Amino acid sequence: MLLLGAPLSARAAEATVAVVTPTAEEQARARFAEGNLAYDVGDFAKALKSFSEAYQLKPLPGFLFNMAQCHRQLGQFARAAFFYRRYLALVPDAPSAPSVRELVQEVEARAREQEARRQERERVEQDKQVQRARAEAAKAEAEAAAHRRAELEAEQRALELRTAQSLTSSVPQAQARVSAPWTRKWWVWAGAGAAAALVTTGVILATSGPDARPTSLGSVGHTR
């Protein structure tokens, strides 16, 4: 239902009195025609623009109703309720007033549902953001732990390598000590010298001991 200036009560008429030039009224009618055509083809955004411009040229309450209709079709229920109420405030006794009041109840209920859905979407989106943040934090923590493990493993490998190199460098020295000829060691010769001295001493003692006396002493004359 689209209107071009619904009948006004005395109070509403006084409230909407404005100086309107013939040119402005013609322009308002032209905008109203454009709005009707756009509304009929479902171009509600263009119809809303045309009705708004028409109202600025000639502030008739009917344009407010038409603007409310456009907002309702666009799903802008809170705005539709606003313009329906503005229309009723200006023409509370209009024949269409009961229908408009029903429309107000309808769009306000749908506005509440729309707001509830919006809040639910925001809540869900916030939950998703929280989950993403937690997942990113867990991923970062896992990456940090993996990096730390890799560092520890690298340090362990380096330590094992240094230990192996240290052991490898000490083996040739030990082998050199083991493979050195025994005849080149001073304590061998010292021991050998001591043994030789003992052998020689033994021979001397053996030849000069009490058992080394001649087997025959001859006879000793008796002398006086």
Protein backbone atom coordinates (compact mmCIF):
# COMPACT_ATOMS: atom_id res chain seq x y z
CA MET A 1 0.00 0.00 0.00
CA LEU A 2 1.62 3.24 -1.16
CA LEU A 3 0.23 6.66 -0.43
CA LEU A 4 0.55 10.10 -1.88
CA GLY A 5 -0.55 12.33 0.96
CA ALA A 6 -3.09 10.62 3.22
CA PRO A 7 -5.88 12.78 4.71
CA LEU A 8 -4.48 14.82 7.61
CA SER A 9 -6.02 15.61 10.95
CA ALA A 10 -6.06 19.24 12.00
CA ARG A 11 -3.08 18.76 14.33
CA ALA A 12 -1.07 16.83 11.75
CA ALA A 13 -1.88 19.39 9.10
CA GLU A 14 -0.58 22.17 11.33
CA ALA A 15 2.57 20.16 11.98
CA THR A 16 3.27 19.61 8.28
CA VAL A 17 2.47 23.10 7.00
CA ALA A 18 5.28 24.20 4.73
CA VAL A 19 5.73 26.63 1.92
CA VAL A 20 5.59 24.52 -1.22
CA THR A 21 6.19 26.07 -4.59
CA PRO A 22 4.48 24.62 -7.65
CA THR A 23 7.85 23.54 -8.94
CA ALA A 24 8.67 21.64 -5.70
CA GLU A 25 5.27 19.96 -5.73
CA GLU A 26 5.76 18.86 -9.32
CA GLN A 27 9.16 17.48 -8.43
CA ALA A 28 7.68 15.66 -5.45
CA ARG A 29 5.05 14.06 -7.68
CA ALA A 30 7.77 13.04 -10.13
CA ARG A 31 9.81 11.45 -7.34
CA PHE A 32 6.69 9.73 -6.06
CA ALA A 33 6.06 8.27 -9.54
CA GLU A 34 9.66 7.10 -9.76
CA GLY A 35 9.35 5.50 -6.33
CA ASN A 36 6.16 3.67 -7.27
CA LEU A 37 7.74 2.32 -10.44
CA ALA A 38 10.87 1.14 -8.62
CA TYR A 39 8.74 -0.44 -5.88
CA ASP A 40 6.64 -2.32 -8.44
CA VAL A 41 9.73 -3.90 -10.02
CA GLY A 42 11.27 -4.80 -6.64
CA ASP A 43 13.99 -2.16 -6.63
CA PHE A 44 13.24 -1.18 -3.04
CA ALA A 45 16.48 0.71 -2.46
CA LYS A 46 15.78 3.01 -5.40
CA ALA A 47 12.14 3.38 -4.33
CA LEU A 48 13.27 4.36 -0.83
CA LYS A 49 15.56 7.01 -2.26
CA SER A 50 12.79 8.46 -4.44
CA PHE A 51 10.24 8.57 -1.59
CA SER A 52 12.81 10.19 0.70
CA GLU A 53 13.53 12.88 -1.87
CA ALA A 54 9.80 13.42 -2.42
CA TYR A 55 9.27 13.86 1.33
CA GLN A 56 12.02 16.48 1.45
CA LEU A 57 10.32 18.36 -1.37
CA LYS A 58 6.84 18.02 0.12
CA PRO A 59 6.66 16.53 3.65
CA LEU A 60 3.46 14.53 3.39
CA PRO A 61 2.88 11.70 5.93
CA GLY A 62 2.11 9.28 3.12
CA PHE A 63 5.74 9.42 2.01
CA LEU A 64 6.77 8.27 5.49
CA PHE A 65 4.52 5.25 5.19
CA ASN A 66 5.99 4.45 1.77
CA MET A 67 9.50 4.73 3.18
CA ALA A 68 8.52 2.35 5.99
CA GLN A 69 7.27 -0.13 3.40
CA CYS A 70 10.57 0.02 1.55
CA HIS A 71 12.55 -0.58 4.74
CA ARG A 72 10.36 -3.58 5.56
CA GLN A 73 10.97 -5.08 2.12
CA LEU A 74 14.70 -4.54 2.54
CA GLY A 75 14.66 -6.40 5.85
CA GLN A 76 15.49 -3.24 7.80
CA PHE A 77 12.77 -3.86 10.36
CA ALA A 78 13.90 -1.42 13.05
CA ARG A 79 13.94 1.40 10.50
CA ALA A 80 10.56 0.33 9.17
CA ALA A 81 9.10 0.48 12.69
CA PHE A 82 10.51 3.99 13.08
CA PHE A 83 8.82 5.33 9.93
CA TYR A 84 5.52 3.54 10.62
CA ARG A 85 5.45 5.20 14.02
CA ARG A 86 6.28 8.58 12.53
CA TYR A 87 3.39 8.14 10.12
CA LEU A 88 0.99 7.24 12.95
CA ALA A 89 2.21 10.19 14.99
CA LEU A 90 1.21 12.54 12.18
CA VAL A 91 -2.07 10.88 11.17
CA PRO A 92 -3.26 8.78 14.13
CA ASP A 93 -6.86 8.84 12.83
CA ALA A 94 -6.04 7.77 9.27
CA PRO A 95 -8.20 4.92 7.90
CA SER A 96 -5.04 2.86 7.48
CA ALA A 97 -3.95 3.44 11.09
CA PRO A 98 -5.14 0.01 12.44
CA SER A 99 -3.28 -1.81 9.66
CA VAL A 100 -0.20 0.29 10.24
CA ARG A 101 -0.24 -0.54 13.96
CA GLU A 102 -0.30 -4.23 13.08
CA LEU A 103 2.63 -3.63 10.79
CA VAL A 104 4.45 -1.94 13.65
CA GLN A 105 3.98 -5.01 15.85
CA GLU A 106 5.12 -7.29 13.03
CA VAL A 107 8.28 -5.41 12.15
CA GLU A 108 9.22 -4.85 15.79
CA ALA A 109 8.93 -8.58 16.48
CA ARG A 110 11.03 -9.31 13.40
CA ALA A 111 13.49 -6.65 14.47
CA ARG A 112 13.92 -8.42 17.81
CA GLU A 113 14.45 -11.73 16.05
CA GLN A 114 16.92 -10.09 13.71
CA GLU A 115 18.83 -8.61 16.61
CA ALA A 116 18.86 -11.96 18.40
CA ARG A 117 20.25 -13.64 15.27
CA ARG A 118 22.85 -10.92 14.93
CA GLN A 119 23.95 -11.40 18.52
CA GLU A 120 24.06 -15.16 18.02
CA ARG A 121 26.23 -14.72 14.92
CA GLU A 122 28.54 -12.46 16.88
CA ARG A 123 28.72 -14.99 19.69
CA VAL A 124 29.50 -17.81 17.26
CA GLU A 125 32.11 -15.67 15.54
CA GLN A 126 33.67 -14.79 18.88
CA ASP A 127 33.76 -18.49 19.79
CA LYS A 128 35.45 -19.21 16.48
CA GLN A 129 37.98 -16.49 17.10
CA VAL A 130 38.68 -17.90 20.56
CA GLN A 131 39.10 -21.39 19.10
CA ARG A 132 41.39 -20.06 16.38
CA ALA A 133 43.43 -18.18 18.96
CA ARG A 134 43.73 -21.30 21.11
CA ALA A 135 44.69 -23.41 18.11
CA GLU A 136 47.31 -20.88 17.06
CA ALA A 137 48.67 -20.73 20.61
CA ALA A 138 48.83 -24.53 20.80
CA LYS A 139 50.54 -24.66 17.41
CA ALA A 140 53.07 -22.04 18.46
CA GLU A 141 53.73 -23.92 21.70
CA ALA A 142 54.19 -27.20 19.83
CA GLU A 143 56.55 -25.55 17.37
CA ALA A 144 58.54 -24.01 20.22
CA ALA A 145 58.76 -27.39 21.97
CA ALA A 146 59.86 -29.08 18.75
CA HIS A 147 62.47 -26.38 18.20
CA ARG A 148 63.75 -26.84 21.73
CA ARG A 149 63.92 -30.61 21.30
CA ALA A 150 65.87 -30.13 18.09
CA GLU A 151 68.31 -27.85 19.90
CA LEU A 152 68.76 -30.36 22.71
CA GLU A 153 69.29 -33.18 20.24
CA ALA A 154 71.86 -31.09 18.36
CA GLU A 155 73.65 -30.32 21.62
CA GLN A 156 73.61 -34.02 22.54
CA ARG A 157 75.02 -35.00 19.14
CA ALA A 158 77.73 -32.35 19.46
CA LEU A 159 78.64 -33.64 22.92
CA GLU A 160 78.77 -37.23 21.67
CA LEU A 161 80.95 -36.13 18.75
CA ARG A 162 83.39 -34.30 21.03
CA THR A 163 83.52 -37.32 23.33
CA ALA A 164 84.19 -39.66 20.41
CA GLN A 165 86.91 -37.35 19.07
CA SER A 166 88.51 -37.19 22.51
CA LEU A 167 88.54 -40.98 22.81
CA THR A 168 89.88 -41.37 19.29
CA SER A 169 92.77 -38.98 19.92
CA SER A 170 93.78 -40.82 23.13
CA VAL A 171 93.91 -44.30 21.53
CA PRO A 172 97.06 -43.72 19.37
CA GLN A 173 98.98 -42.48 22.44
CA ALA A 174 98.02 -45.60 24.37
CA GLN A 175 98.92 -47.78 21.42
CA ALA A 176 102.24 -46.01 21.14
CA ARG A 177 102.95 -46.74 24.78
CA VAL A 178 102.00 -50.40 24.40
CA SER A 179 103.94 -50.97 21.17
CA ALA A 180 107.20 -49.34 22.32
CA PRO A 181 110.07 -52.00 22.30
CA TRP A 182 110.81 -53.23 25.78
CA THR A 183 114.49 -52.92 25.10
CA ARG A 184 114.09 -49.15 24.81
CA LYS A 185 112.82 -48.71 28.33
CA TRP A 186 115.32 -47.60 30.91
CA TRP A 187 113.83 -49.67 33.67
CA VAL A 188 114.38 -52.82 31.61
CA TRP A 189 118.07 -52.10 31.33
CA ALA A 190 118.24 -51.06 34.93
CA GLY A 191 116.64 -54.32 35.97
CA ALA A 192 118.89 -56.25 33.66
CA GLY A 193 121.95 -54.55 35.13
CA ALA A 194 120.85 -55.37 38.62
CA ALA A 195 120.27 -58.99 37.65
CA ALA A 196 123.69 -59.19 36.05
CA ALA A 197 125.28 -57.82 39.19
CA LEU A 198 123.53 -60.40 41.26
CA VAL A 199 124.70 -63.20 38.98
CA THR A 200 128.31 -62.01 39.10
CA THR A 201 128.23 -61.68 42.86
CA GLY A 202 126.85 -65.17 43.10
CA VAL A 203 129.66 -66.57 41.02
CA ILE A 204 132.25 -64.84 43.15
CA LEU A 205 130.70 -66.07 46.33
CA ALA A 206 130.43 -69.54 44.96
CA THR A 207 134.12 -69.67 44.10
CA SER A 208 135.36 -68.15 47.37
CA GLY A 209 133.15 -69.86 49.88
CA PRO A 210 134.17 -72.56 52.41
CA ASP A 211 133.30 -75.34 50.01
CA ALA A 212 135.87 -74.08 47.51
CA ARG A 213 138.96 -75.38 49.40
CA PRO A 214 141.45 -77.71 47.65
CA THR A 215 140.74 -81.36 48.09
CA SER A 216 144.37 -82.06 49.15
CA LEU A 217 146.36 -79.88 51.58
CA GLY A 218 149.50 -82.00 51.51
CA SER A 219 151.40 -82.78 54.80
CA VAL A 220 152.79 -80.34 57.25
CA GLY A 221 155.93 -81.31 58.89
CA HIS A 222 156.13 -81.39 62.62
CA THR A 223 158.40 -78.73 63.66
CA ARG A 224 159.32 -77.70 66.90
